[in-house]
Structures are given as structure tokens and as C-alpha cells.
Amino acid sequence: MRALSRRDLFSTLGACGLAALPACTAGHAEKVKITRVDLHKVVVPMQDDIISSPELGPDALTEFPSIPKFILELHTDSGIVGVGETPRAVEESDVLPNAQFLEGKNLFDLNLARLELPNRRTYSAFEIAVFDALGKAVGWPVYQLLGGKAQDKVYVTYWCGRKNPVDARRVAQRALDGGFTNLKMKGRPGDPIVEAVAAVGEVAPNLKVTVDFNSHYATAEEFLPIGKGLDVLDNMLTIEDPVKKDDLSQFARLEELLRTPITLTAGNARLIVEGAKAGACTYINTGPAPGMHGFVRNAYVAGGAGMPVWHGSGHELGIKDAAFIHSCAAAENCTLASDALSYRRVDDLLVEAIPIVESYAIVPDRPGLGVELDRDAVARYGV
């Protein structure tokens, strides 16, 4: 058999997706050097009627649409550009140390499981950009870098803040019109949440509801009357974080007394294991805090305990949502409706929105994240 020449080797690599790289770039031993990171500070409003009903506020939900975030463009000497997106409420001082740390680094030298970045607040944004650039370099979708695709489409939810029954009916109709089968709502002490969930059921009986209480109740006994009120409704899927997490026996008490399953939000493997040992929950919400690699790891931990998961969010834009969807696609037990919610903004900053068909987001199959940043929209919403 004839030995492969260097020309033959690069022809083969090109067929595998490396054709976009210069001939001097073959992998770890070569250089795909990060040359600079461009930052774009943006504020993108929400669509109408998404956040809480006015008489139930003010709360944090009424403020977050006006909080800026950064879009990153990570440039390399090969011409490949990876894009990322920060969480809300970060400053340029949180972004610049990571950008400076990565400048001059070779993409193929980075530890994808643990990027040694100096600022943890913007870790996820740079992780997304690195994975996007590296996926483009080798011709792989990001889910392949996360271990492979376990599912072709990702179940996603419709969403609203704290709503009164009249507003909840309007939200339910929009969810129904959009083909969604799950609705996530917010609740806290004093809200007419039982009446609001009942109103959703009157409009859309088959729309399953998740209510997130963000641990606003102190004890199981304090929450129990609300839980029992929700328990008698036929459209409840799960109750998320009803009580504080410093005593998981309170979660376990509700899991024992209520028919509706309890969900624990757990951004790290330790809390997932503790929740499983305590019998604190049926389901796990394990995002967005861990990042992409961390989410997949946590999903495997929860799966070992027999618990399905979903991916939470902070109401992101399209770049971060694309990262969420790749993470979910790589986790076979991510079967509950995840919070990929960029469609609720007036613009997701993508050239083409991520398709959502009958409550499922279609996983992009192109290299990297498989989405393209709309630079005109970035300029339009720039701060």
C-alpha cells in the first residue's frame, strides 16, 4: 500500500472539515492561534406581555430586559471566528481578563473540560466561543465535542413571569398558537398562582405547567397549602424550587406529601447527589450555571440517579441558546422542556432563528454552533 503523502493527508482532512484551515494547520501540533476578542455590548428588549403582571411586581423579572450583556467574537489566525455570549449583569472588567488570557493561545492546546480562565463570571461565554471556533476548525458540530448527539431535537418550553389569571389565559393562548406543549411560570408568596394555573388549563387543557417558586418559601409546611392547591389541577407537570435549599429534608417532605413531582435546581454535581440521597426531588434543572461541558457532566450524574433533567436559562439571546441546545442534544436524559427562550426577545441577534417545531428545537448540524451572528442586529441593539 502506498504511504500517504502530506498532500494526501490534507486532502483527507479537508473532506473531514479541515479544508477551511491553511495547509500549515493540522491539529494539536500546529497553530490555530487566538489573535483577539472583539466585544459588543447590547441591550435587546423583551416582547410584550412576557414579564410579570404589573400589580404583582416589581421584581427582578421586570428589570432584566434592560440589563446589558456582551457578544464575543473570538478571532484566530486561520480566519475562523468563534462567537460567544455572556450572562446578564457582567461588566467589561469581567470580560477583558479572559480575553487577554486567551490571546495567543492555540485552540488545540486548550483543555475543553476546564478552561483555566481568570474570571469565572464570564467563563460560559468564552467556553461557547472556543467550542464554536474549534468545531468550525475540525468540521464538527459542538455537540460532537461534548460527546456526541444523543437526540436530534430538544424539547423546549414557553415561558412567562408571575401572572394573574386574566393574563395567564392570554399567555396560554399564545403558547397554544405556537405549538408548545409546556409552559413555565413564576410564583411567589401572595401570588394567585393556583388560579393562574387553573386559567391556563381552561384555555389549553393539554399544556403542562411548570411553576418555579425560586425558593421563596421557608419551609415545607409554609408551602404545603399552595402545593395542595396545585396538586388538584390536571395540568401541572412539576413544582420547581418551592423552598430554600439549605435543608433538603424540606424538599423531601413535599416530594412525599404532594402528587405533583418536585424539581431541584442544581448547578453542581454535589447538590444533585445530595438531592438524590435525600429523596428531595423527581427532576433536576441543571443550567445554565455549569456551562456546556458542566451541563453534560451534571446530566450524566442525574441520569445515574434515574432523574431526567432540563436546561435552565437567564433568558438569553440566540448564541447562548444555540449552546444550550447543543448541550441538551449531548445529554440523553435531557427529556424535560428546557428554557431556550431567545424567541421571546424582539431579536435573537441571529441571521436565522433556531427552528422550533411543535415544542422541539431542531439541533443545528453545521460545524461549530451552526448559527450565524447578525452583525446588523448587533449594531442596532448596541449600547
Protein backbone atom coordinates (compact mmCIF):
# COMPACT_ATOMS: atom_id res chain seq x y z
CA MET A 1 0.00 0.00 0.00
CA ARG A 2 1.34 3.45 -0.95
CA ALA A 3 2.20 5.63 2.04
CA LEU A 4 0.11 8.77 2.42
CA SER A 5 1.94 11.93 1.43
CA ARG A 6 1.38 15.26 3.20
CA ARG A 7 -0.73 16.35 0.20
CA ASP A 8 -2.84 13.15 0.53
CA LEU A 9 -3.23 13.76 4.25
CA PHE A 10 -4.57 17.27 3.81
CA SER A 11 -6.96 16.11 1.08
CA THR A 12 -8.36 13.59 3.56
CA LEU A 13 -8.55 16.13 6.37
CA GLY A 14 -10.31 18.58 4.06
CA ALA A 15 -13.04 16.02 3.43
CA CYS A 16 -13.46 15.78 7.21
CA GLY A 17 -13.95 19.52 7.63
CA LEU A 18 -10.44 20.94 7.91
CA ALA A 19 -10.47 22.45 4.42
CA ALA A 20 -11.18 25.87 5.93
CA LEU A 21 -7.75 25.86 7.61
CA PRO A 22 -4.46 26.77 5.95
CA ALA A 23 -2.30 23.83 4.90
CA CYS A 24 0.09 24.51 7.80
CA THR A 25 -2.67 23.71 10.30
CA ALA A 26 -3.38 20.07 11.02
CA GLY A 27 -4.12 19.80 14.71
CA HIS A 28 -2.63 19.95 18.16
CA ALA A 29 0.99 20.19 16.99
CA GLU A 30 0.18 23.12 14.71
CA LYS A 31 -1.25 26.54 15.49
CA VAL A 32 -4.81 27.82 15.33
CA LYS A 33 -3.89 30.85 17.35
CA ILE A 34 -6.39 33.19 19.01
CA THR A 35 -5.40 36.67 17.90
CA ARG A 36 -8.03 38.90 19.51
CA VAL A 37 -11.51 39.04 21.06
CA ASP A 38 -13.99 41.70 19.93
CA LEU A 39 -16.71 42.75 22.40
CA HIS A 40 -20.18 44.07 21.55
CA LYS A 41 -22.31 45.40 24.41
CA VAL A 42 -26.02 45.04 23.63
CA VAL A 43 -29.45 45.51 25.16
CA VAL A 44 -32.27 43.63 23.42
CA PRO A 45 -35.80 44.21 24.79
CA MET A 46 -38.37 41.52 25.51
CA GLN A 47 -41.53 41.13 23.51
CA ASP A 48 -44.71 42.46 25.14
CA ASP A 49 -46.58 40.65 27.90
CA ILE A 50 -43.80 38.26 28.92
CA ILE A 51 -42.65 39.52 32.31
CA SER A 52 -44.84 39.68 35.42
CA SER A 53 -48.31 41.21 35.60
CA PRO A 54 -47.77 44.81 36.81
CA GLU A 55 -49.77 44.51 40.04
CA LEU A 56 -47.63 41.53 41.14
CA GLY A 57 -44.31 43.40 40.77
CA PRO A 58 -41.90 44.96 40.99
CA ASP A 59 -39.45 42.10 40.95
CA ALA A 60 -36.21 41.14 39.26
CA LEU A 61 -38.11 39.96 36.20
CA THR A 62 -39.24 43.49 35.40
CA GLU A 63 -35.64 44.72 35.32
CA PHE A 64 -33.66 42.12 33.41
CA PRO A 65 -34.66 43.04 29.82
CA SER A 66 -32.81 46.35 30.19
CA ILE A 67 -29.61 44.81 31.61
CA PRO A 68 -26.78 44.73 29.04
CA LYS A 69 -24.74 41.70 28.04
CA PHE A 70 -21.76 41.18 25.76
CA ILE A 71 -21.47 39.30 22.47
CA LEU A 72 -17.92 37.98 21.88
CA GLU A 73 -16.12 37.36 18.61
CA LEU A 74 -13.01 35.24 19.11
CA HIS A 75 -10.70 35.68 16.09
CA THR A 76 -7.97 33.24 15.03
CA ASP A 77 -5.06 33.48 12.62
CA SER A 78 -6.79 30.91 10.39
CA GLY A 79 -9.68 33.29 9.73
CA ILE A 80 -12.10 31.24 11.84
CA VAL A 81 -14.22 33.30 14.25
CA GLY A 82 -15.96 31.79 17.27
CA VAL A 83 -18.88 33.63 18.88
CA GLY A 84 -20.00 33.68 22.49
CA GLU A 85 -22.47 35.45 24.77
CA THR A 86 -22.12 36.49 28.40
CA PRO A 87 -24.74 36.24 31.13
CA ARG A 88 -26.51 39.42 32.18
CA ALA A 89 -25.10 41.89 34.68
CA VAL A 90 -21.42 41.46 33.88
CA GLU A 91 -19.00 44.31 33.34
CA GLU A 92 -16.26 44.80 30.79
CA SER A 93 -13.85 44.19 33.66
CA ASP A 94 -15.26 40.64 33.86
CA VAL A 95 -14.68 40.05 30.15
CA LEU A 96 -11.26 41.60 29.46
CA PRO A 97 -9.13 39.33 31.72
CA ASN A 98 -10.39 36.22 29.92
CA ALA A 99 -9.91 37.81 26.50
CA GLN A 100 -6.34 38.78 27.40
CA PHE A 101 -5.63 35.32 28.85
CA LEU A 102 -6.72 33.55 25.64
CA GLU A 103 -4.86 35.87 23.24
CA GLY A 104 -2.01 33.96 21.64
CA LYS A 105 -3.28 30.55 22.80
CA ASN A 106 -3.65 27.63 20.39
CA LEU A 107 -7.23 26.32 20.26
CA PHE A 108 -5.93 22.74 20.12
CA ASP A 109 -3.93 23.19 23.33
CA LEU A 110 -6.94 24.19 25.46
CA ASN A 111 -8.48 21.81 28.00
CA LEU A 112 -12.12 21.81 26.89
CA ALA A 113 -13.32 20.23 30.12
CA ARG A 114 -11.80 23.02 32.20
CA LEU A 115 -10.69 26.26 30.60
CA GLU A 116 -8.27 27.87 33.06
CA LEU A 117 -9.81 31.33 32.79
CA PRO A 118 -9.09 34.01 35.42
CA ASN A 119 -12.68 35.32 35.64
CA ARG A 120 -15.41 32.75 36.34
CA ARG A 121 -18.35 35.14 35.79
CA THR A 122 -17.81 35.10 32.03
CA TYR A 123 -16.49 31.53 31.77
CA SER A 124 -19.52 30.25 29.86
CA ALA A 125 -19.27 32.97 27.19
CA PHE A 126 -15.66 32.09 26.37
CA GLU A 127 -16.37 28.38 26.54
CA ILE A 128 -19.07 28.88 23.89
CA ALA A 129 -16.74 30.92 21.65
CA VAL A 130 -13.90 28.39 21.99
CA PHE A 131 -16.17 25.44 21.20
CA ASP A 132 -17.69 27.30 18.24
CA ALA A 133 -14.27 28.11 16.77
CA LEU A 134 -12.87 24.64 17.40
CA GLY A 135 -15.95 22.98 15.91
CA LYS A 136 -15.55 25.10 12.79
CA ALA A 137 -11.84 24.20 12.66
CA VAL A 138 -12.42 20.44 12.65
CA GLY A 139 -15.78 20.47 10.86
CA TRP A 140 -17.77 19.17 13.85
CA PRO A 141 -20.98 20.49 15.41
CA VAL A 142 -20.46 21.47 19.05
CA TYR A 143 -22.49 18.51 20.32
CA GLN A 144 -19.80 16.23 18.86
CA LEU A 145 -17.17 17.99 21.00
CA LEU A 146 -19.43 17.34 24.00
CA GLY A 147 -19.50 13.58 23.45
CA GLY A 148 -21.86 13.10 20.53
CA LYS A 149 -25.51 13.65 19.66
CA ALA A 150 -27.99 11.72 21.80
CA GLN A 151 -31.07 13.40 20.30
CA ASP A 152 -31.87 15.25 17.06
CA LYS A 153 -34.29 17.71 18.65
CA VAL A 154 -34.56 19.28 22.09
CA TYR A 155 -37.83 19.72 23.97
CA VAL A 156 -38.30 23.41 24.90
CA THR A 157 -40.87 25.37 26.87
CA TYR A 158 -42.93 28.51 26.54
CA TRP A 159 -42.35 30.97 29.39
CA CYS A 160 -43.87 33.84 31.35
CA GLY A 161 -43.28 35.62 34.63
CA ARG A 162 -45.74 35.94 37.52
CA LYS A 163 -49.24 36.27 36.06
CA ASN A 164 -52.77 36.92 37.24
CA PRO A 165 -55.48 34.61 35.85
CA VAL A 166 -56.56 37.03 33.08
CA ASP A 167 -53.01 37.47 31.81
CA ALA A 168 -52.34 33.73 32.20
CA ARG A 169 -55.17 32.95 29.76
CA ARG A 170 -53.60 35.23 27.18
CA VAL A 171 -50.19 33.57 27.66
CA ALA A 172 -51.73 30.11 27.37
CA GLN A 173 -53.34 31.02 24.06
CA ARG A 174 -50.03 32.26 22.66
CA ALA A 175 -48.29 29.07 23.77
CA LEU A 176 -51.04 27.03 22.14
CA ASP A 177 -50.83 29.03 18.91
CA GLY A 178 -47.06 28.47 18.85
CA GLY A 179 -47.41 24.71 19.10
CA PHE A 180 -45.88 24.47 22.58
CA THR A 181 -46.85 21.69 24.97
CA ASN A 182 -45.18 23.05 28.13
CA LEU A 183 -45.43 26.40 29.91
CA LYS A 184 -43.12 27.60 32.67
CA MET A 185 -44.47 30.24 35.06
CA LYS A 186 -43.08 32.04 38.08
CA GLY A 187 -44.68 32.28 41.51
CA ARG A 188 -44.01 33.65 44.98
CA PRO A 189 -45.96 34.13 48.25
CA GLY A 190 -49.15 36.14 47.76
CA ASP A 191 -49.49 35.47 44.03
CA PRO A 192 -52.75 33.96 42.70
CA ILE A 193 -50.70 31.14 41.21
CA VAL A 194 -53.24 28.35 41.74
CA GLU A 195 -55.90 30.42 39.98
CA ALA A 196 -53.46 31.34 37.20
CA VAL A 197 -52.54 27.69 36.52
CA ALA A 198 -56.23 26.77 36.55
CA ALA A 199 -56.87 29.55 33.99
CA VAL A 200 -54.16 28.08 31.73
CA GLY A 201 -55.95 24.74 31.91
CA GLU A 202 -59.24 26.33 30.86
CA VAL A 203 -57.63 27.69 27.67
CA ALA A 204 -55.24 24.84 26.89
CA PRO A 205 -56.02 21.65 28.86
CA ASN A 206 -53.09 19.73 27.34
CA LEU A 207 -50.49 22.41 28.10
CA LYS A 208 -48.42 21.10 31.02
CA VAL A 209 -47.28 23.73 33.52
CA THR A 210 -44.06 24.08 35.50
CA VAL A 211 -44.18 26.63 38.32
CA ASP A 212 -40.84 27.96 39.58
CA PHE A 213 -41.01 29.47 43.08
CA ASN A 214 -37.28 30.34 43.27
CA SER A 215 -37.10 29.06 46.88
CA HIS A 216 -39.29 31.92 48.19
CA TYR A 217 -40.93 29.74 50.86
CA ALA A 218 -39.01 28.99 54.06
CA THR A 219 -40.42 25.56 54.94
CA ALA A 220 -42.48 22.73 53.53
CA GLU A 221 -45.32 23.48 55.93
CA GLU A 222 -45.49 27.09 54.75
CA PHE A 223 -45.66 25.98 51.11
CA LEU A 224 -47.97 23.00 51.60
CA PRO A 225 -51.32 24.85 51.12
CA ILE A 226 -50.10 26.19 47.74
CA GLY A 227 -48.76 22.78 46.80
CA LYS A 228 -52.05 21.08 47.63
CA GLY A 229 -53.94 23.71 45.62
CA LEU A 230 -51.76 22.93 42.57
CA ASP A 231 -51.99 19.20 43.24
CA VAL A 232 -55.67 19.00 42.36
CA LEU A 233 -55.13 20.56 38.92
CA ASP A 234 -54.71 18.19 36.00
CA ASN A 235 -52.27 20.37 34.04
CA MET A 236 -49.34 20.52 36.47
CA LEU A 237 -46.05 18.93 35.39
CA THR A 238 -43.73 19.89 38.26
CA ILE A 239 -43.11 22.35 41.09
CA GLU A 240 -39.60 23.83 40.93
CA ASP A 241 -37.64 25.01 43.98
CA PRO A 242 -40.60 25.60 46.30
CA VAL A 243 -38.45 26.05 49.45
CA LYS A 244 -34.93 27.03 50.43
CA LYS A 245 -32.16 24.55 49.55
CA ASP A 246 -30.22 24.71 52.83
CA ASP A 247 -32.41 21.88 54.21
CA LEU A 248 -33.21 19.27 51.56
CA SER A 249 -35.43 17.41 54.02
CA GLN A 250 -37.98 20.17 53.32
CA PHE A 251 -37.90 19.22 49.63
CA ALA A 252 -38.21 15.55 50.58
CA ARG A 253 -41.23 16.32 52.76
CA LEU A 254 -43.05 17.92 49.82
CA GLU A 255 -41.96 15.13 47.48
CA GLU A 256 -43.61 12.71 49.92
CA LEU A 257 -46.83 14.65 50.54
CA LEU A 258 -47.64 16.02 47.08
CA ARG A 259 -48.74 14.22 43.95
CA THR A 260 -47.00 16.80 41.72
CA PRO A 261 -43.28 15.96 41.24
CA ILE A 262 -40.70 18.31 42.76
CA THR A 263 -37.77 19.74 40.78
CA LEU A 264 -34.48 20.80 42.37
CA THR A 265 -32.31 23.35 40.56
CA ALA A 266 -28.75 22.10 40.99
CA GLY A 267 -25.84 23.67 39.17
CA ASN A 268 -23.25 21.26 40.52
CA ALA A 269 -22.89 17.50 40.85
CA ARG A 270 -22.61 17.61 44.64
CA LEU A 271 -26.09 19.07 45.08
CA ILE A 272 -27.53 16.58 42.57
CA VAL A 273 -26.08 13.69 44.58
CA GLU A 274 -27.30 15.17 47.88
CA GLY A 275 -30.77 15.69 46.41
CA ALA A 276 -30.91 12.10 45.20
CA LYS A 277 -29.76 10.74 48.57
CA ALA A 278 -32.33 12.85 50.42
CA GLY A 279 -35.19 11.81 48.14
CA ALA A 280 -35.69 15.54 47.57
CA CYS A 281 -36.91 15.56 44.00
CA THR A 282 -38.03 13.68 40.90
CA TYR A 283 -36.44 16.04 38.34
CA ILE A 284 -33.32 18.21 38.09
CA ASN A 285 -32.87 21.63 36.46
CA THR A 286 -29.10 21.89 35.98
CA GLY A 287 -28.39 25.01 33.98
CA PRO A 288 -27.18 27.48 32.89
CA ALA A 289 -24.52 27.96 35.56
CA PRO A 290 -22.27 24.97 34.79
CA GLY A 291 -21.57 25.87 31.15
CA MET A 292 -21.80 23.37 28.29
CA HIS A 293 -19.35 20.73 29.47
CA GLY A 294 -20.58 21.11 33.05
CA PHE A 295 -24.19 20.68 31.99
CA VAL A 296 -23.47 17.41 30.20
CA ARG A 297 -21.47 16.16 33.20
CA ASN A 298 -24.27 17.05 35.60
CA ALA A 299 -26.84 15.42 33.34
CA TYR A 300 -24.87 12.16 33.50
CA VAL A 301 -24.77 12.38 37.31
CA ALA A 302 -28.54 12.92 37.48
CA GLY A 303 -29.05 10.13 34.97
CA GLY A 304 -27.13 7.80 37.26
CA ALA A 305 -29.73 8.55 39.92
CA GLY A 306 -32.55 7.89 37.45
CA MET A 307 -33.61 11.54 37.21
CA PRO A 308 -34.44 13.37 33.95
CA VAL A 309 -33.11 16.92 33.57
CA TRP A 310 -33.75 20.13 31.73
CA HIS A 311 -31.57 23.14 30.94
CA GLY A 312 -32.44 26.35 32.72
CA SER A 313 -31.61 29.83 31.45
CA GLY A 314 -31.42 33.51 32.27
CA HIS A 315 -33.48 34.48 29.22
CA GLU A 316 -30.64 34.55 26.76
CA LEU A 317 -30.08 35.59 23.15
CA GLY A 318 -29.55 33.27 20.21
CA ILE A 319 -25.85 32.47 20.63
CA LYS A 320 -26.24 31.20 24.19
CA ASP A 321 -29.46 29.38 23.29
CA ALA A 322 -27.63 27.56 20.49
CA ALA A 323 -25.02 26.46 23.06
CA PHE A 324 -27.81 25.24 25.36
CA ILE A 325 -29.36 23.21 22.55
CA HIS A 326 -26.05 21.53 21.67
CA SER A 327 -25.56 20.70 25.38
CA CYS A 328 -29.04 19.21 25.64
CA ALA A 329 -28.53 17.25 22.43
CA ALA A 330 -25.47 15.58 24.01
CA ALA A 331 -27.39 14.54 27.16
CA GLU A 332 -29.73 11.61 26.59
CA ASN A 333 -31.69 12.17 29.83
CA CYS A 334 -32.41 15.84 28.98
CA THR A 335 -36.01 14.96 28.16
CA LEU A 336 -37.88 17.68 30.06
CA ALA A 337 -38.74 21.04 28.48
CA SER A 338 -35.65 23.28 28.57
CA ASP A 339 -35.54 27.07 28.75
CA ALA A 340 -34.27 28.10 25.31
CA LEU A 341 -36.11 31.41 25.27
CA SER A 342 -34.41 33.78 22.82
CA TYR A 343 -37.60 33.71 20.72
CA ARG A 344 -39.21 35.87 23.45
CA ARG A 345 -36.81 38.77 22.71
CA VAL A 346 -37.59 41.25 19.93
CA ASP A 347 -34.44 39.94 18.19
CA ASP A 348 -32.22 36.91 18.89
CA LEU A 349 -29.23 38.50 17.03
CA LEU A 350 -29.04 35.53 14.65
CA VAL A 351 -29.28 35.68 10.86
CA GLU A 352 -31.67 32.71 11.03
CA ALA A 353 -33.55 31.82 14.19
CA ILE A 354 -33.21 28.34 15.68
CA PRO A 355 -36.24 26.42 14.33
CA ILE A 356 -38.81 25.33 16.94
CA VAL A 357 -41.37 22.83 15.64
CA GLU A 358 -44.16 21.55 17.90
CA SER A 359 -42.22 22.48 21.07
CA TYR A 360 -38.92 20.99 19.85
CA ALA A 361 -35.82 22.98 18.86
CA ILE A 362 -34.07 21.41 15.90
CA VAL A 363 -30.38 20.80 16.68
CA PRO A 364 -28.03 22.53 14.18
CA ASP A 365 -25.78 20.12 12.28
CA ARG A 366 -23.35 22.64 10.76
CA PRO A 367 -19.81 22.97 12.20
CA GLY A 368 -19.49 24.84 15.50
CA LEU A 369 -22.71 26.21 16.94
CA GLY A 370 -24.26 26.08 13.46
CA VAL A 371 -25.71 29.60 13.74
CA GLU A 372 -24.58 32.94 12.29
CA LEU A 373 -24.37 36.20 14.20
CA ASP A 374 -26.43 39.01 12.65
CA ARG A 375 -23.96 41.86 12.83
CA ASP A 376 -26.51 44.42 11.63
CA ALA A 377 -28.76 43.48 14.57
CA VAL A 378 -25.78 43.64 16.93
CA ALA A 379 -25.12 47.19 15.76
CA ARG A 380 -28.82 48.07 16.03
CA TYR A 381 -29.04 47.00 19.68
CA GLY A 382 -25.52 48.08 20.64
CA VAL A 383 -25.01 50.24 23.71
